Every structure is written in structure tokens, then in C-alpha cells.
Amino acid sequence: MTITSETSSVPGFVAELVRSANEVDRLTSDEIESLLLRAITTVRDLREQAGIPGSGTEHDAIIRLNAASTGVTTFSQANISAILREAADMVRTLWIVVDSGTVVSLKPSWPSSSDRS
């Protein structure tokens, strides 16, 4: 899924995540899991468009969202609400970056083997 600045579904999805965070008691665990999986996909797509790589470690927000999506039934409503708000914040922040046209480029912080010669 390529998200362009003309896509209005991202702001709508952020609103849906925030509404859901405020109404966790009305959601089923399947609905929560579905929202989190959509958030993971959206965050990955937006990161890719902005040139931001994921770390793949437990500190990566996508890893945390994935863990939350698989364990929805074990969390309290307050925790689920916080997770949905975090997902909304990530999507919103990345959308702002992509919509502004900002592209991140990273350089390694260590010298390459050719630099040491």
C-alpha cells in the first residue's frame, strides 16, 4: 500500500484509533487486534516512505505493537487504551513527516572497512 499526501485514509485511521482508545469497553478483542495490525502495516508503509528503517529489536515500536496485538486478551482496558493511543501517535507523527516531504537518510556511525585502510 503506497500512501500519498492525497490519501485521506491516514488521518481518518488516526481518528479511528483515538476513538477506539476512548471506547475500549465497546470493542471485541478481534476488533482491537485488527486495529493494531492495521496500525503496524500503516507505520511500516509510512516509515518506508520517509526512509526510516525499523530496528527489529524489542525497542522497535512495531515489535511492541505486534506483541500487543497477539496478547490483547491479557491486557487491561487501560493498557489497551494506552497502546491504541501510542499507535495513533506513531501513525500521526509519521504522516506529518511523509506529508511534509521529509525523507530521512542515515549514515553508519562506524567507519567502514575501506575507511580503515
Protein backbone atom coordinates (compact mmCIF):
# COMPACT_ATOMS: atom_id res chain seq x y z
CA MET A 1 0.00 0.00 0.00
CA THR A 2 1.53 3.29 -1.06
CA ILE A 3 0.29 6.22 0.93
CA THR A 4 0.32 9.58 -0.82
CA SER A 5 -0.35 13.04 0.55
CA GLU A 6 -3.72 12.93 -1.20
CA THR A 7 -4.74 9.92 0.86
CA SER A 8 -7.28 10.96 3.45
CA SER A 9 -7.48 7.49 4.98
CA VAL A 10 -4.46 8.07 7.24
CA PRO A 11 -5.98 10.97 9.22
CA GLY A 12 -9.25 9.03 9.32
CA PHE A 13 -7.45 5.99 10.67
CA VAL A 14 -5.77 8.12 13.36
CA ALA A 15 -9.21 9.36 14.41
CA GLU A 16 -10.48 5.77 14.46
CA LEU A 17 -7.59 4.71 16.72
CA VAL A 18 -8.22 7.60 19.13
CA ARG A 19 -11.98 6.90 19.22
CA SER A 20 -11.27 3.24 19.86
CA ALA A 21 -8.84 4.11 22.65
CA ASN A 22 -11.63 6.12 24.29
CA GLU A 23 -14.19 3.31 23.87
CA VAL A 24 -12.16 0.17 24.59
CA ASP A 25 -15.04 -1.32 26.56
CA ARG A 26 -17.15 -1.41 23.37
CA LEU A 27 -14.55 -3.31 21.30
CA THR A 28 -14.01 -7.04 20.97
CA SER A 29 -10.51 -8.47 21.19
CA ASP A 30 -10.71 -9.27 17.45
CA GLU A 31 -11.51 -5.63 16.66
CA ILE A 32 -8.59 -4.43 18.79
CA GLU A 33 -6.23 -6.93 17.17
CA SER A 34 -7.40 -5.82 13.72
CA LEU A 35 -6.79 -2.14 14.57
CA LEU A 36 -3.30 -2.91 15.85
CA LEU A 37 -2.43 -4.96 12.76
CA ARG A 38 -3.63 -2.11 10.53
CA ALA A 39 -1.52 0.29 12.58
CA ILE A 40 1.55 -1.94 12.16
CA THR A 41 1.07 -2.04 8.38
CA THR A 42 0.49 1.71 8.21
CA VAL A 43 3.55 2.51 10.35
CA ARG A 44 5.74 0.23 8.21
CA ASP A 45 4.50 1.84 5.00
CA LEU A 46 4.96 5.37 6.30
CA ARG A 47 8.43 4.56 7.67
CA GLU A 48 9.43 3.17 4.29
CA GLN A 49 8.21 6.29 2.51
CA ALA A 50 10.12 8.51 4.96
CA GLY A 51 13.29 6.40 4.73
CA ILE A 52 13.17 5.37 8.38
CA PRO A 53 14.33 1.80 8.99
CA GLY A 54 12.94 -0.29 11.82
CA SER A 55 15.42 -1.59 14.35
CA GLY A 56 13.91 -5.06 14.64
CA THR A 57 14.68 -5.08 18.37
CA GLU A 58 12.27 -5.14 21.30
CA HIS A 59 12.71 -1.35 21.42
CA ASP A 60 11.10 -1.01 17.98
CA ALA A 61 7.54 0.26 18.36
CA ILE A 62 6.29 -2.12 15.66
CA ILE A 63 7.59 -5.10 17.64
CA ARG A 64 5.75 -3.81 20.73
CA LEU A 65 2.53 -3.28 18.75
CA ASN A 66 2.80 -6.78 17.29
CA ALA A 67 3.29 -8.27 20.75
CA ALA A 68 0.28 -6.33 21.99
CA SER A 69 -1.87 -7.48 19.07
CA THR A 70 -1.18 -11.13 19.85
CA GLY A 71 -1.86 -10.72 23.57
CA VAL A 72 -4.89 -8.43 23.55
CA THR A 73 -6.87 -10.66 25.90
CA THR A 74 -4.19 -10.44 28.59
CA PHE A 75 -4.16 -6.64 28.86
CA SER A 76 -6.36 -4.41 30.97
CA GLN A 77 -8.64 -1.91 29.26
CA ALA A 78 -6.34 0.91 30.43
CA ASN A 79 -3.34 -0.79 28.82
CA ILE A 80 -5.21 -1.40 25.58
CA SER A 81 -6.30 2.23 25.53
CA ALA A 82 -2.68 3.34 26.00
CA ILE A 83 -1.48 1.01 23.24
CA LEU A 84 -4.10 2.33 20.81
CA ARG A 85 -3.13 5.91 21.67
CA GLU A 86 0.54 5.07 21.08
CA ALA A 87 -0.38 3.57 17.70
CA ALA A 88 -2.38 6.69 16.82
CA ASP A 89 0.54 8.92 17.80
CA MET A 90 3.01 6.92 15.69
CA VAL A 91 0.76 6.98 12.63
CA ARG A 92 0.01 10.70 13.07
CA THR A 93 3.66 11.65 13.55
CA LEU A 94 4.85 9.60 10.58
CA TRP A 95 2.03 11.00 8.44
CA ILE A 96 3.20 14.53 9.25
CA VAL A 97 6.76 13.60 8.25
CA VAL A 98 5.68 11.98 4.97
CA ASP A 99 3.17 14.71 4.14
CA SER A 100 5.87 17.37 4.65
CA GLY A 101 8.06 15.66 2.06
CA THR A 102 10.82 14.95 4.57
CA VAL A 103 12.99 11.94 3.74
CA VAL A 104 15.45 10.60 6.28
CA SER A 105 18.82 9.27 5.18
CA LEU A 106 21.08 7.50 7.62
CA LYS A 107 24.83 7.08 7.55
CA PRO A 108 26.64 4.41 9.57
CA SER A 109 28.26 5.82 12.69
CA TRP A 110 31.24 3.48 12.47
CA PRO A 111 33.99 3.55 9.85
CA SER A 112 33.61 1.03 7.07
CA SER A 113 36.39 -1.47 6.38
CA SER A 114 37.52 0.61 3.38
CA ASP A 115 37.90 3.69 5.62
CA ARG A 116 40.28 1.86 7.98
CA SER A 117 42.87 1.06 5.31
